[in-house]
Amino acid sequence: MRIPREVEKPREFEVIGPKVVGGKTRGERVTLALTDAQERALIEAGHVRPVSDRPSLADKKED
């Protein structure tokens, strides 16, 4: 049985950490194609924050 691969979706973020993300530095916006788990990891690490109106995946509890 194959486990379906999680789909990467383009999402817009503002870089808030000291590291360059997708070629962008702090205060710049970047669009990244990420899975939900990848997005959660970047947000929790303090590298980016979502700029859209949708709620952050880092705020959602995992089941």
PDB file of N, CA and C in Angstrom:
ATOM      1  N   MET A   1       0.834  -1.172   0.000  1.00  0.00           N
ATOM      2  CA  MET A   1       0.000   0.000   0.000  1.00  0.00           C
ATOM      3  C   MET A   1       0.883   1.242   0.000  1.00  0.00           C
ATOM      4  N   ARG A   2       0.587   2.163  -0.894  1.00  0.00           N
ATOM      5  CA  ARG A   2       1.373   3.391  -0.994  1.00  0.00           C
ATOM      6  C   ARG A   2       0.754   4.492  -0.152  1.00  0.00           C
ATOM      7  N   ILE A   3       1.601   5.247   0.496  1.00  0.00           N
ATOM      8  CA  ILE A   3       1.140   6.416   1.245  1.00  0.00           C
ATOM      9  C   ILE A   3       1.122   7.589   0.270  1.00  0.00           C
ATOM     10  N   PRO A   4      -0.024   8.261   0.139  1.00  0.00           N
ATOM     11  CA  PRO A   4      -0.072   9.379  -0.803  1.00  0.00           C
ATOM     12  C   PRO A   4       0.866  10.503  -0.374  1.00  0.00           C
ATOM     13  N   ARG A   5       1.523  11.069  -1.349  1.00  0.00           N
ATOM     14  CA  ARG A   5       2.451  12.164  -1.095  1.00  0.00           C
ATOM     15  C   ARG A   5       1.667  13.443  -0.821  1.00  0.00           C
ATOM     16  N   GLU A   6       2.095  14.189   0.186  1.00  0.00           N
ATOM     17  CA  GLU A   6       1.425  15.439   0.522  1.00  0.00           C
ATOM     18  C   GLU A   6       1.696  16.464  -0.584  1.00  0.00           C
ATOM     19  N   VAL A   7       0.673  17.203  -0.940  1.00  0.00           N
ATOM     20  CA  VAL A   7       0.761  18.164  -2.035  1.00  0.00           C
ATOM     21  C   VAL A   7       1.387  19.468  -1.547  1.00  0.00           C
ATOM     22  N   GLU A   8       2.334  19.980  -2.342  1.00  0.00           N
ATOM     23  CA  GLU A   8       2.909  21.287  -2.054  1.00  0.00           C
ATOM     24  C   GLU A   8       2.030  22.353  -2.687  1.00  0.00           C
ATOM     25  N   LYS A   9       1.743  23.420  -1.929  1.00  0.00           N
ATOM     26  CA  LYS A   9       0.899  24.501  -2.426  1.00  0.00           C
ATOM     27  C   LYS A   9       1.672  25.809  -2.324  1.00  0.00           C
ATOM     28  N   PRO A  10       1.538  26.694  -3.335  1.00  0.00           N
ATOM     29  CA  PRO A  10       2.197  27.999  -3.228  1.00  0.00           C
ATOM     30  C   PRO A  10       1.548  28.826  -2.119  1.00  0.00           C
ATOM     31  N   ARG A  11       2.366  29.384  -1.260  1.00  0.00           N
ATOM     32  CA  ARG A  11       1.877  30.175  -0.129  1.00  0.00           C
ATOM     33  C   ARG A  11       2.789  31.391   0.018  1.00  0.00           C
ATOM     34  N   GLU A  12       2.195  32.510   0.429  1.00  0.00           N
ATOM     35  CA  GLU A  12       2.967  33.741   0.578  1.00  0.00           C
ATOM     36  C   GLU A  12       3.287  33.986   2.052  1.00  0.00           C
ATOM     37  N   PHE A  13       4.533  34.372   2.310  1.00  0.00           N
ATOM     38  CA  PHE A  13       5.021  34.610   3.663  1.00  0.00           C
ATOM     39  C   PHE A  13       5.827  35.896   3.714  1.00  0.00           C
ATOM     40  N   GLU A  14       5.964  36.430   4.925  1.00  0.00           N
ATOM     41  CA  GLU A  14       6.911  37.512   5.188  1.00  0.00           C
ATOM     42  C   GLU A  14       8.063  36.894   5.966  1.00  0.00           C
ATOM     43  N   VAL A  15       9.280  37.176   5.531  1.00  0.00           N
ATOM     44  CA  VAL A  15      10.460  36.665   6.225  1.00  0.00           C
ATOM     45  C   VAL A  15      10.643  37.485   7.501  1.00  0.00           C
ATOM     46  N   ILE A  16      10.717  36.810   8.653  1.00  0.00           N
ATOM     47  CA  ILE A  16      10.870  37.512   9.932  1.00  0.00           C
ATOM     48  C   ILE A  16      12.140  37.103  10.667  1.00  0.00           C
ATOM     49  N   GLY A  17      12.805  36.074  10.202  1.00  0.00           N
ATOM     50  CA  GLY A  17      14.002  35.590  10.889  1.00  0.00           C
ATOM     51  C   GLY A  17      15.268  36.181  10.304  1.00  0.00           C
ATOM     52  N   PRO A  18      16.390  35.885  10.936  1.00  0.00           N
ATOM     53  CA  PRO A  18      17.668  36.431  10.472  1.00  0.00           C
ATOM     54  C   PRO A  18      18.223  35.730   9.233  1.00  0.00           C
ATOM     55  N   LYS A  19      17.686  34.565   8.897  1.00  0.00           N
ATOM     56  CA  LYS A  19      18.202  33.807   7.755  1.00  0.00           C
ATOM     57  C   LYS A  19      17.471  34.170   6.471  1.00  0.00           C
ATOM     58  N   VAL A  20      18.156  34.010   5.348  1.00  0.00           N
ATOM     59  CA  VAL A  20      17.555  34.222   4.031  1.00  0.00           C
ATOM     60  C   VAL A  20      16.640  33.039   3.738  1.00  0.00           C
ATOM     61  N   VAL A  21      15.430  33.329   3.272  1.00  0.00           N
ATOM     62  CA  VAL A  21      14.460  32.289   2.923  1.00  0.00           C
ATOM     63  C   VAL A  21      14.042  32.528   1.482  1.00  0.00           C
ATOM     64  N   GLY A  22      14.309  31.564   0.614  1.00  0.00           N
ATOM     65  CA  GLY A  22      13.926  31.704  -0.791  1.00  0.00           C
ATOM     66  C   GLY A  22      14.556  32.916  -1.457  1.00  0.00           C
ATOM     67  N   GLY A  23      15.761  33.293  -1.026  1.00  0.00           N
ATOM     68  CA  GLY A  23      16.453  34.440  -1.603  1.00  0.00           C
ATOM     69  C   GLY A  23      15.997  35.784  -1.053  1.00  0.00           C
ATOM     70  N   LYS A  24      15.124  35.777  -0.060  1.00  0.00           N
ATOM     71  CA  LYS A  24      14.592  37.015   0.526  1.00  0.00           C
ATOM     72  C   LYS A  24      15.110  37.177   1.951  1.00  0.00           C
ATOM     73  N   THR A  25      15.241  38.434   2.389  1.00  0.00           N
ATOM     74  CA  THR A  25      15.709  38.721   3.739  1.00  0.00           C
ATOM     75  C   THR A  25      14.580  39.291   4.585  1.00  0.00           C
ATOM     76  N   ARG A  26      14.859  39.533   5.858  1.00  0.00           N
ATOM     77  CA  ARG A  26      13.862  40.011   6.821  1.00  0.00           C
ATOM     78  C   ARG A  26      13.081  41.207   6.262  1.00  0.00           C
ATOM     79  N   GLY A  27      11.738  41.122   6.401  1.00  0.00           N
ATOM     80  CA  GLY A  27      10.849  42.191   5.959  1.00  0.00           C
ATOM     81  C   GLY A  27      10.343  42.029   4.537  1.00  0.00           C
ATOM     82  N   GLU A  28      10.969  41.166   3.743  1.00  0.00           N
ATOM     83  CA  GLU A  28      10.534  40.943   2.365  1.00  0.00           C
ATOM     84  C   GLU A  28       9.509  39.813   2.320  1.00  0.00           C
ATOM     85  N   ARG A  29       8.710  39.818   1.256  1.00  0.00           N
ATOM     86  CA  ARG A  29       7.736  38.744   1.048  1.00  0.00           C
ATOM     87  C   ARG A  29       8.307  37.711   0.092  1.00  0.00           C
ATOM     88  N   VAL A  30       7.923  36.465   0.335  1.00  0.00           N
ATOM     89  CA  VAL A  30       8.396  35.359  -0.490  1.00  0.00           C
ATOM     90  C   VAL A  30       7.241  34.390  -0.694  1.00  0.00           C
ATOM     91  N   THR A  31       7.155  33.819  -1.891  1.00  0.00           N
ATOM     92  CA  THR A  31       6.173  32.778  -2.173  1.00  0.00           C
ATOM     93  C   THR A  31       6.916  31.455  -2.267  1.00  0.00           C
ATOM     94  N   LEU A  32       6.486  30.500  -1.453  1.00  0.00           N
ATOM     95  CA  LEU A  32       7.125  29.190  -1.403  1.00  0.00           C
ATOM     96  C   LEU A  32       6.092  28.102  -1.640  1.00  0.00           C
ATOM     97  N   ALA A  33       6.483  27.043  -2.346  1.00  0.00           N
ATOM     98  CA  ALA A  33       5.619  25.872  -2.524  1.00  0.00           C
ATOM     99  C   ALA A  33       5.973  24.889  -1.414  1.00  0.00           C
ATOM    100  N   LEU A  34       5.069  24.766  -0.423  1.00  0.00           N
ATOM    101  CA  LEU A  34       5.343  23.954   0.756  1.00  0.00           C
ATOM    102  C   LEU A  34       4.198  23.006   1.059  1.00  0.00           C
ATOM    103  N   THR A  35       4.517  21.921   1.728  1.00  0.00           N
ATOM    104  CA  THR A  35       3.477  21.065   2.305  1.00  0.00           C
ATOM    105  C   THR A  35       3.057  21.706   3.627  1.00  0.00           C
ATOM    106  N   ASP A  36       1.960  21.229   4.198  1.00  0.00           N
ATOM    107  CA  ASP A  36       1.506  21.759   5.485  1.00  0.00           C
ATOM    108  C   ASP A  36       2.581  21.575   6.561  1.00  0.00           C
ATOM    109  N   ALA A  37       3.248  20.424   6.563  1.00  0.00           N
ATOM    110  CA  ALA A  37       4.281  20.147   7.567  1.00  0.00           C
ATOM    111  C   ALA A  37       5.485  21.075   7.394  1.00  0.00           C
ATOM    112  N   GLN A  38       5.879  21.331   6.161  1.00  0.00           N
ATOM    113  CA  GLN A  38       7.005  22.233   5.913  1.00  0.00           C
ATOM    114  C   GLN A  38       6.668  23.653   6.362  1.00  0.00           C
ATOM    115  N   GLU A  39       5.435  24.095   6.057  1.00  0.00           N
ATOM    116  CA  GLU A  39       5.011  25.434   6.482  1.00  0.00           C
ATOM    117  C   GLU A  39       5.051  25.541   8.002  1.00  0.00           C
ATOM    118  N   ARG A  40       4.489  24.553   8.671  1.00  0.00           N
ATOM    119  CA  ARG A  40       4.452  24.556  10.136  1.00  0.00           C
ATOM    120  C   ARG A  40       5.868  24.652  10.709  1.00  0.00           C
ATOM    121  N   ALA A  41       6.801  23.908  10.144  1.00  0.00           N
ATOM    122  CA  ALA A  41       8.178  23.900  10.643  1.00  0.00           C
ATOM    123  C   ALA A  41       8.844  25.267  10.481  1.00  0.00           C
ATOM    124  N   LEU A  42       8.660  25.913   9.333  1.00  0.00           N
ATOM    125  CA  LEU A  42       9.261  27.233   9.112  1.00  0.00           C
ATOM    126  C   LEU A  42       8.676  28.292  10.038  1.00  0.00           C
ATOM    127  N   ILE A  43       7.367  28.227  10.264  1.00  0.00           N
ATOM    128  CA  ILE A  43       6.707  29.196  11.147  1.00  0.00           C
ATOM    129  C   ILE A  43       7.147  28.978  12.589  1.00  0.00           C
ATOM    130  N   GLU A  44       7.133  27.731  13.040  1.00  0.00           N
ATOM    131  CA  GLU A  44       7.517  27.432  14.422  1.00  0.00           C
ATOM    132  C   GLU A  44       8.982  27.763  14.697  1.00  0.00           C
ATOM    133  N   ALA A  45       9.829  27.681  13.670  1.00  0.00           N
ATOM    134  CA  ALA A  45      11.248  28.012  13.829  1.00  0.00           C
ATOM    135  C   ALA A  45      11.479  29.522  13.834  1.00  0.00           C
ATOM    136  N   GLY A  46      10.440  30.300  13.514  1.00  0.00           N
ATOM    137  CA  GLY A  46      10.559  31.752  13.543  1.00  0.00           C
ATOM    138  C   GLY A  46      11.197  32.353  12.310  1.00  0.00           C
ATOM    139  N   HIS A  47      11.153  31.628  11.191  1.00  0.00           N
ATOM    140  CA  HIS A  47      11.740  32.141   9.957  1.00  0.00           C
ATOM    141  C   HIS A  47      10.764  32.995   9.157  1.00  0.00           C
ATOM    142  N   VAL A  48       9.478  32.605   9.147  1.00  0.00           N
ATOM    143  CA  VAL A  48       8.473  33.297   8.333  1.00  0.00           C
ATOM    144  C   VAL A  48       7.158  33.402   9.091  1.00  0.00           C
ATOM    145  N   ARG A  49       6.254  34.266   8.568  1.00  0.00           N
ATOM    146  CA  ARG A  49       4.872  34.296   9.047  1.00  0.00           C
ATOM    147  C   ARG A  49       3.988  34.467   7.821  1.00  0.00           C
ATOM    148  N   PRO A  50       2.791  33.874   7.834  1.00  0.00           N
ATOM    149  CA  PRO A  50       1.892  33.982   6.690  1.00  0.00           C
ATOM    150  C   PRO A  50       1.413  35.418   6.522  1.00  0.00           C
ATOM    151  N   VAL A  51       1.219  35.848   5.272  1.00  0.00           N
ATOM    152  CA  VAL A  51       0.719  37.200   5.025  1.00  0.00           C
ATOM    153  C   VAL A  51      -0.717  37.198   4.530  1.00  0.00           C
ATOM    154  N   SER A  52      -1.268  36.035   4.259  1.00  0.00           N
ATOM    155  CA  SER A  52      -2.650  35.959   3.779  1.00  0.00           C
ATOM    156  C   SER A  52      -3.614  35.989   4.954  1.00  0.00           C
ATOM    157  N   ASP A  53      -4.903  36.012   4.657  1.00  0.00           N
ATOM    158  CA  ASP A  53      -5.932  36.051   5.689  1.00  0.00           C
ATOM    159  C   ASP A  53      -6.213  34.686   6.301  1.00  0.00           C
ATOM    160  N   ARG A  54      -5.670  33.636   5.716  1.00  0.00           N
ATOM    161  CA  ARG A  54      -5.944  32.304   6.252  1.00  0.00           C
ATOM    162  C   ARG A  54      -5.182  32.112   7.561  1.00  0.00           C
ATOM    163  N   PRO A  55      -5.707  31.290   8.460  1.00  0.00           N
ATOM    164  CA  PRO A  55      -5.019  31.069   9.734  1.00  0.00           C
ATOM    165  C   PRO A  55      -3.703  30.321   9.529  1.00  0.00           C
ATOM    166  N   SER A  56      -2.772  30.563  10.391  1.00  0.00           N
ATOM    167  CA  SER A  56      -1.482  29.906  10.328  1.00  0.00           C
ATOM    168  C   SER A  56      -1.619  28.434  10.692  1.00  0.00           C
ATOM    169  N   LEU A  57      -0.929  27.582   9.971  1.00  0.00           N
ATOM    170  CA  LEU A  57      -0.938  26.152  10.296  1.00  0.00           C
ATOM    171  C   LEU A  57      -0.219  25.886  11.607  1.00  0.00           C
ATOM    172  N   ALA A  58       0.659  26.767  12.008  1.00  0.00           N
ATOM    173  CA  ALA A  58       1.370  26.575  13.272  1.00  0.00           C
ATOM    174  C   ALA A  58       0.422  26.721  14.461  1.00  0.00           C
ATOM    175  N   ASP A  59      -0.702  27.409  14.262  1.00  0.00           N
ATOM    176  CA  ASP A  59      -1.680  27.587  15.335  1.00  0.00           C
ATOM    177  C   ASP A  59      -2.614  26.392  15.475  1.00  0.00           C
ATOM    178  N   LYS A  60      -2.682  25.546  14.453  1.00  0.00           N
ATOM    179  CA  LYS A  60      -3.573  24.389  14.480  1.00  0.00           C
ATOM    180  C   LYS A  60      -2.901  23.240  15.216  1.00  0.00           C
ATOM    181  N   LYS A  61      -3.669  22.508  15.972  1.00  0.00           N
ATOM    182  CA  LYS A  61      -3.163  21.332  16.683  1.00  0.00           C
ATOM    183  C   LYS A  61      -3.160  20.140  15.734  1.00  0.00           C
ATOM    184  N   GLU A  62      -2.118  19.321  15.841  1.00  0.00           N
ATOM    185  CA  GLU A  62      -2.074  18.097  15.041  1.00  0.00           C
ATOM    186  C   GLU A  62      -2.951  17.051  15.696  1.00  0.00           C
ATOM    187  N   ASP A  63      -3.607  16.230  14.866  1.00  0.00           N
ATOM    188  CA  ASP A  63      -4.474  15.165  15.393  1.00  0.00           C
ATOM    189  C   ASP A  63      -3.669  13.962  15.804  1.00  0.00           C
TER     190      ASP A  63
END
